[in-house]
C-alpha atoms as a PDB file:
ATOM      1  CA  MET A   1     -16.436  -6.422   1.226  1.00  0.00           C
ATOM      2  CA  ARG A   2     -16.850  -9.436   3.592  1.00  0.00           C
ATOM      3  CA  ASP A   3     -13.926  -9.119   5.965  1.00  0.00           C
ATOM      4  CA  GLU A   4     -15.278  -7.774   9.327  1.00  0.00           C
ATOM      5  CA  ALA A   5     -11.612  -6.856  10.521  1.00  0.00           C
ATOM      6  CA  VAL A   6     -11.003  -4.909   7.501  1.00  0.00           C
ATOM      7  CA  LEU A   7     -14.384  -3.081   7.803  1.00  0.00           C
ATOM      8  CA  ASP A   8     -13.556  -2.378  11.384  1.00  0.00           C
ATOM      9  CA  ALA A   9     -10.142  -0.827  10.531  1.00  0.00           C
ATOM     10  CA  MET A  10     -11.810   1.358   7.888  1.00  0.00           C
ATOM     11  CA  CYS A  11     -14.284   2.594  10.504  1.00  0.00           C
ATOM     12  CA  HIS A  12     -11.476   3.377  13.138  1.00  0.00           C
ATOM     13  CA  VAL A  13      -8.702   4.846  11.090  1.00  0.00           C
ATOM     14  CA  ALA A  14      -9.687   8.619  10.871  1.00  0.00           C
ATOM     15  CA  ARG A  15      -9.114   9.270   6.946  1.00  0.00           C
ATOM     16  CA  HIS A  16      -9.404  13.087   7.452  1.00  0.00           C
ATOM     17  CA  GLU A  17      -6.210  12.914   9.388  1.00  0.00           C
ATOM     18  CA  PHE A  18      -4.461  11.955   6.187  1.00  0.00           C
ATOM     19  CA  VAL A  19      -5.837  14.499   3.684  1.00  0.00           C
ATOM     20  CA  PRO A  20      -4.811  18.079   3.413  1.00  0.00           C
ATOM     21  CA  GLU A  21      -6.902  20.728   5.260  1.00  0.00           C
ATOM     22  CA  GLY A  22      -8.545  21.935   2.102  1.00  0.00           C
ATOM     23  CA  HIS A  23      -9.996  18.445   1.364  1.00  0.00           C
ATOM     24  CA  ARG A  24     -11.103  17.437   4.748  1.00  0.00           C
ATOM     25  CA  ARG A  25     -14.810  18.032   3.974  1.00  0.00           C
ATOM     26  CA  GLN A  26     -14.439  15.359   1.170  1.00  0.00           C
ATOM     27  CA  ALA A  27     -12.480  13.020   3.536  1.00  0.00           C
ATOM     28  CA  TYR A  28     -15.056  10.384   3.724  1.00  0.00           C
ATOM     29  CA  ASP A  29     -16.314  10.441   0.185  1.00  0.00           C
ATOM     30  CA  ASP A  30     -15.464   7.326  -1.701  1.00  0.00           C
ATOM     31  CA  ARG A  31     -13.006   8.821  -3.994  1.00  0.00           C
ATOM     32  CA  ALA A  32      -9.206   9.505  -4.341  1.00  0.00           C
ATOM     33  CA  LEU A  33      -8.184  12.848  -3.109  1.00  0.00           C
ATOM     34  CA  PRO A  34      -5.039  14.752  -3.987  1.00  0.00           C
ATOM     35  CA  THR A  35      -2.356  14.949  -1.378  1.00  0.00           C
ATOM     36  CA  SER A  36       0.915  16.696  -2.235  1.00  0.00           C
ATOM     37  CA  ASP A  37       3.611  16.221  -4.889  1.00  0.00           C
ATOM     38  CA  GLY A  38       1.019  15.189  -7.397  1.00  0.00           C
ATOM     39  CA  GLN A  39       0.162  12.223  -5.326  1.00  0.00           C
ATOM     40  CA  THR A  40      -3.254  10.951  -4.082  1.00  0.00           C
ATOM     41  CA  ILE A  41      -4.880   9.105  -1.296  1.00  0.00           C
ATOM     42  CA  SER A  42      -6.637   6.114  -2.698  1.00  0.00           C
ATOM     43  CA  GLN A  43     -10.470   5.889  -2.547  1.00  0.00           C
ATOM     44  CA  PRO A  44     -11.576   4.069   0.785  1.00  0.00           C
ATOM     45  CA  TYR A  45     -13.185   1.172  -1.324  1.00  0.00           C
ATOM     46  CA  ILE A  46      -9.823   0.510  -2.968  1.00  0.00           C
ATOM     47  CA  VAL A  47      -7.972   0.695   0.190  1.00  0.00           C
ATOM     48  CA  ALA A  48     -10.363  -1.912   1.970  1.00  0.00           C
ATOM     49  CA  LEU A  49     -10.480  -4.074  -1.266  1.00  0.00           C
ATOM     50  CA  MET A  50      -6.760  -4.265  -1.442  1.00  0.00           C
ATOM     51  CA  THR A  51      -6.458  -5.047   2.093  1.00  0.00           C
ATOM     52  CA  GLU A  52      -9.070  -7.585   1.977  1.00  0.00           C
ATOM     53  CA  MET A  53      -7.260  -9.285  -1.050  1.00  0.00           C
ATOM     54  CA  ALA A  54      -4.132  -9.366   0.758  1.00  0.00           C
ATOM     55  CA  GLN A  55      -5.699 -11.220   3.615  1.00  0.00           C
ATOM     56  CA  ILE A  56      -3.869  -9.379   6.409  1.00  0.00           C
ATOM     57  CA  ARG A  57      -3.822 -10.974   9.704  1.00  0.00           C
ATOM     58  CA  SER A  58      -2.376  -9.915  13.032  1.00  0.00           C
ATOM     59  CA  GLY A  59       1.229 -10.533  13.238  1.00  0.00           C
ATOM     60  CA  HIS A  60       1.988 -10.548   9.455  1.00  0.00           C
ATOM     61  CA  HIS A  61       5.021  -8.483   8.342  1.00  0.00           C
ATOM     62  CA  VAL A  62       3.745  -6.244   5.609  1.00  0.00           C
ATOM     63  CA  LEU A  63       5.693  -4.460   3.030  1.00  0.00           C
ATOM     64  CA  GLU A  64       3.836  -1.420   1.512  1.00  0.00           C
ATOM     65  CA  ILE A  65       5.163   0.187  -1.622  1.00  0.00           C
ATOM     66  CA  GLY A  66       4.047   3.787  -1.879  1.00  0.00           C
ATOM     67  CA  THR A  67       3.491   5.402   1.514  1.00  0.00           C
ATOM     68  CA  GLY A  68       1.981   8.544   0.284  1.00  0.00           C
ATOM     69  CA  SER A  69       0.021  10.164   3.212  1.00  0.00           C
ATOM     70  CA  GLY A  70       0.393   6.879   5.426  1.00  0.00           C
ATOM     71  CA  TYR A  71      -3.358   6.090   5.262  1.00  0.00           C
ATOM     72  CA  GLN A  72      -2.897   2.584   3.925  1.00  0.00           C
ATOM     73  CA  ALA A  73      -0.136   1.803   6.319  1.00  0.00           C
ATOM     74  CA  ALA A  74      -2.350   3.040   9.296  1.00  0.00           C
ATOM     75  CA  VAL A  75      -5.227   0.626   8.168  1.00  0.00           C
ATOM     76  CA  LEU A  76      -2.669  -2.291   7.940  1.00  0.00           C
ATOM     77  CA  ALA A  77      -1.210  -1.296  11.358  1.00  0.00           C
ATOM     78  CA  TYR A  78      -4.795  -1.200  12.866  1.00  0.00           C
ATOM     79  CA  LEU A  79      -5.067  -4.890  11.860  1.00  0.00           C
ATOM     80  CA  GLY A  80      -2.150  -5.848  13.891  1.00  0.00           C
ATOM     81  CA  ALA A  81       0.442  -6.056  11.045  1.00  0.00           C
ATOM     82  CA  ARG A  82       4.108  -4.928  11.431  1.00  0.00           C
ATOM     83  CA  VAL A  83       4.434  -2.540   8.450  1.00  0.00           C
ATOM     84  CA  THR A  84       7.552  -1.460   6.530  1.00  0.00           C
ATOM     85  CA  THR A  85       6.459   1.012   4.069  1.00  0.00           C
ATOM     86  CA  VAL A  86       8.706   2.493   1.313  1.00  0.00           C
ATOM     87  CA  GLU A  87       8.162   6.016  -0.241  1.00  0.00           C
ATOM     88  CA  LEU A  88      10.197   7.366  -3.090  1.00  0.00           C
ATOM     89  CA  ARG A  89       9.694  11.004  -2.272  1.00  0.00           C
ATOM     90  CA  PRO A  90      11.504  11.926   0.878  1.00  0.00           C
ATOM     91  CA  GLY A  91       9.247  14.831   1.740  1.00  0.00           C
ATOM     92  CA  LEU A  92       6.144  12.474   1.594  1.00  0.00           C
ATOM     93  CA  ALA A  93       8.064   9.915   3.707  1.00  0.00           C
ATOM     94  CA  ARG A  94       8.971  12.484   6.339  1.00  0.00           C
ATOM     95  CA  SER A  95       5.338  13.857   6.528  1.00  0.00           C
ATOM     96  CA  ALA A  96       3.730  10.362   6.783  1.00  0.00           C
ATOM     97  CA  GLU A  97       6.139   9.439   9.439  1.00  0.00           C
ATOM     98  CA  ARG A  98       5.388  12.434  11.559  1.00  0.00           C
ATOM     99  CA  ARG A  99       1.587  12.017  11.025  1.00  0.00           C
ATOM    100  CA  LEU A 100       1.743   8.381  12.085  1.00  0.00           C
ATOM    101  CA  THR A 101       3.709   9.325  15.178  1.00  0.00           C
ATOM    102  CA  VAL A 102       1.307  12.033  16.151  1.00  0.00           C
ATOM    103  CA  LEU A 103      -1.619   9.605  15.711  1.00  0.00           C
ATOM    104  CA  GLY A 104       0.276   6.975  17.991  1.00  0.00           C
ATOM    105  CA  VAL A 105       0.737   4.348  15.331  1.00  0.00           C
ATOM    106  CA  SER A 106       3.918   2.703  16.500  1.00  0.00           C
ATOM    107  CA  ASN A 107       4.079  -0.548  14.328  1.00  0.00           C
ATOM    108  CA  VAL A 108       4.772   1.160  11.071  1.00  0.00           C
ATOM    109  CA  THR A 109       8.423   1.873   9.887  1.00  0.00           C
ATOM    110  CA  VAL A 110       8.649   4.497   7.149  1.00  0.00           C
ATOM    111  CA  VAL A 111      11.664   4.000   4.778  1.00  0.00           C
ATOM    112  CA  PRO A 112      12.617   6.683   2.077  1.00  0.00           C
ATOM    113  CA  GLY A 113      13.645   4.950  -1.104  1.00  0.00           C
ATOM    114  CA  ASP A 114      12.806   3.279  -4.370  1.00  0.00           C
ATOM    115  CA  GLY A 115       9.903   0.966  -3.780  1.00  0.00           C
ATOM    116  CA  THR A 116      10.442  -1.049  -6.982  1.00  0.00           C
ATOM    117  CA  LEU A 117      13.588  -2.501  -5.094  1.00  0.00           C
ATOM    118  CA  GLY A 118      11.418  -3.125  -1.952  1.00  0.00           C
ATOM    119  CA  HIS A 119      13.374  -3.308   1.369  1.00  0.00           C
ATOM    120  CA  VAL A 120      15.563  -6.387   1.526  1.00  0.00           C
ATOM    121  CA  ASP A 121      17.015  -5.686   4.821  1.00  0.00           C
ATOM    122  CA  ALA A 122      13.632  -5.979   6.560  1.00  0.00           C
ATOM    123  CA  GLY A 123      12.270  -9.056   4.398  1.00  0.00           C
ATOM    124  CA  PRO A 124      11.104 -11.494   3.840  1.00  0.00           C
ATOM    125  CA  PHE A 125       7.286 -10.283   3.967  1.00  0.00           C
ATOM    126  CA  ASP A 126       4.180 -12.146   4.528  1.00  0.00           C
ATOM    127  CA  ARG A 127       2.272  -9.737   2.438  1.00  0.00           C
ATOM    128  CA  ILE A 128       3.234  -6.982   0.014  1.00  0.00           C
ATOM    129  CA  ILE A 129       0.792  -4.177  -1.096  1.00  0.00           C
ATOM    130  CA  VAL A 130       1.673  -1.799  -3.869  1.00  0.00           C
ATOM    131  CA  THR A 131      -0.270   1.437  -4.000  1.00  0.00           C
ATOM    132  CA  ALA A 132       1.123   2.714  -7.377  1.00  0.00           C
ATOM    133  CA  ALA A 133       0.643   1.432 -10.887  1.00  0.00           C
ATOM    134  CA  ALA A 134       3.344  -0.962 -12.080  1.00  0.00           C
ATOM    135  CA  PRO A 135       3.978  -1.835 -15.685  1.00  0.00           C
ATOM    136  CA  HIS A 136       4.890  -5.539 -14.256  1.00  0.00           C
ATOM    137  CA  MET A 137       5.688  -7.186 -11.023  1.00  0.00           C
ATOM    138  CA  PRO A 138       9.206  -5.824 -10.101  1.00  0.00           C
ATOM    139  CA  ASP A 139      11.676  -8.724  -9.529  1.00  0.00           C
ATOM    140  CA  ALA A 140      12.722  -7.500  -6.031  1.00  0.00           C
ATOM    141  CA  LEU A 141       9.348  -7.810  -4.711  1.00  0.00           C
ATOM    142  CA  ARG A 142       9.161 -11.518  -5.921  1.00  0.00           C
ATOM    143  CA  HIS A 143      12.295 -12.092  -4.136  1.00  0.00           C
ATOM    144  CA  GLN A 144      11.302 -10.527  -0.896  1.00  0.00           C
ATOM    145  CA  LEU A 145       7.878 -12.297  -0.503  1.00  0.00           C
ATOM    146  CA  ALA A 146       7.776 -15.014   2.079  1.00  0.00           C
ATOM    147  CA  ASP A 147       6.541 -18.555   1.214  1.00  0.00           C
ATOM    148  CA  PRO A 148       3.575 -18.717   1.761  1.00  0.00           C
ATOM    149  CA  GLY A 149       2.945 -15.210   0.870  1.00  0.00           C
ATOM    150  CA  ARG A 150       0.603 -12.804  -0.949  1.00  0.00           C
ATOM    151  CA  CYS A 151       1.191  -9.596  -3.066  1.00  0.00           C
ATOM    152  CA  VAL A 152      -1.530  -7.168  -4.211  1.00  0.00           C
ATOM    153  CA  ILE A 153      -0.320  -4.853  -7.047  1.00  0.00           C
ATOM    154  CA  PRO A 154      -2.049  -2.858  -9.822  1.00  0.00           C
ATOM    155  CA  ILE A 155      -0.436  -3.684 -13.183  1.00  0.00           C
ATOM    156  CA  GLY A 156      -1.213  -2.284 -16.609  1.00  0.00           C
ATOM    157  CA  ALA A 157      -0.687   1.050 -18.545  1.00  0.00           C
ATOM    158  CA  ARG A 158      -0.109   4.282 -16.968  1.00  0.00           C
ATOM    159  CA  ASP A 159      -3.774   5.297 -17.126  1.00  0.00           C
ATOM    160  CA  LEU A 160      -5.609   2.214 -16.426  1.00  0.00           C
ATOM    161  CA  GLN A 161      -4.593  -0.969 -14.481  1.00  0.00           C
ATOM    162  CA  ARG A 162      -6.007  -4.153 -13.002  1.00  0.00           C
ATOM    163  CA  LEU A 163      -5.399  -5.281  -9.463  1.00  0.00           C
ATOM    164  CA  HIS A 164      -3.328  -8.457  -9.573  1.00  0.00           C
ATOM    165  CA  VAL A 165      -2.951 -10.913  -6.538  1.00  0.00           C
ATOM    166  CA  PHE A 166       0.241 -13.030  -6.681  1.00  0.00           C
ATOM    167  CA  GLU A 167       0.559 -16.020  -4.285  1.00  0.00           C
ATOM    168  CA  LEU A 168       3.668 -17.871  -3.564  1.00  0.00           C
ATOM    169  CA  ASN A 169       2.982 -21.264  -1.858  1.00  0.00           C
ATOM    170  CA  GLY A 170       5.285 -24.279  -1.610  1.00  0.00           C
ATOM    171  CA  GLY A 171       7.689 -22.660  -4.190  1.00  0.00           C
ATOM    172  CA  GLU A 172       4.733 -22.477  -6.726  1.00  0.00           C
ATOM    173  CA  TRP A 173       3.454 -19.152  -8.088  1.00  0.00           C
ATOM    174  CA  SER A 174      -0.119 -18.346  -8.998  1.00  0.00           C
ATOM    175  CA  MET A 175      -1.757 -15.175 -10.261  1.00  0.00           C
ATOM    176  CA  GLN A 176      -5.225 -13.694 -10.515  1.00  0.00           C
ATOM    177  CA  ARG A 177      -6.196 -10.569 -12.328  1.00  0.00           C
ATOM    178  CA  ARG A 178      -9.048  -8.609 -10.583  1.00  0.00           C
ATOM    179  CA  THR A 179     -10.595  -5.324 -10.457  1.00  0.00           C
ATOM    180  CA  ALA A 180      -9.968  -2.370 -12.872  1.00  0.00           C
ATOM    181  CA  CYS A 181      -8.411   0.586 -11.293  1.00  0.00           C
ATOM    182  CA  ARG A 182      -6.357   3.833 -11.661  1.00  0.00           C
ATOM    183  CA  PHE A 183      -3.258   4.712  -9.680  1.00  0.00           C
ATOM    184  CA  VAL A 184      -0.385   7.089  -9.947  1.00  0.00           C
ATOM    185  CA  PRO A 185       2.655   5.566 -11.804  1.00  0.00           C
ATOM    186  CA  LEU A 186       5.129   3.440  -9.711  1.00  0.00           C
ATOM    187  CA  THR A 187       8.548   5.125 -10.563  1.00  0.00           C
ATOM    188  CA  GLY A 188      11.816   3.672  -9.930  1.00  0.00           C
ATOM    189  CA  GLU A 189      14.497   1.486 -11.325  1.00  0.00           C
ATOM    190  CA  ASP A 190      12.006  -1.445 -11.966  1.00  0.00           C
ATOM    191  CA  GLY A 191       8.992   0.647 -12.575  1.00  0.00           C
ATOM    192  CA  TRP A 192       7.901   3.588 -14.960  1.00  0.00           C
ATOM    193  CA  ARG A 193      10.721   6.089 -15.863  1.00  0.00           C
ATOM    194  CA  GLY A 194      10.008   9.709 -14.754  1.00  0.00           C
END
């Protein structure tokens, strides 16, 4: 990690506020922890790495796919981004929205819905971060990325993926495969089924 702003955000966003009561003692361990609905909160290193790869800057409009507990969205918001985050599970979306409100995070909009379809009404987005494992880059996300823009997404099999960074610049796409990782599956119309 080299981005001082990301490191500062990681120090200031209280991860223990985003984990269930029974796991608060492990909140600052560098590992994923279970939340609810069979979901997880990503390990801090991965949250920081994806944020750094996305090159988030103050004023960016960011689409996050997979709100979960709201932790990644809070980190993005701390960096000054305006965040739209989409969560497939309505209960998780409501609980993340309540949590972010209680914590005073005002620059995040939580949207219940199919993240594989993005959120066309709020786009285009300067940055997109996907926090669930996709079999491929969903078409809707390609069309909702601004030019120039950058998307960080784990792509691969259900049980093992690699972080991919897609960049759009002057109408030209480029892609880099990066770190191996493990995320819960991205389910939806253009993701994994079931």
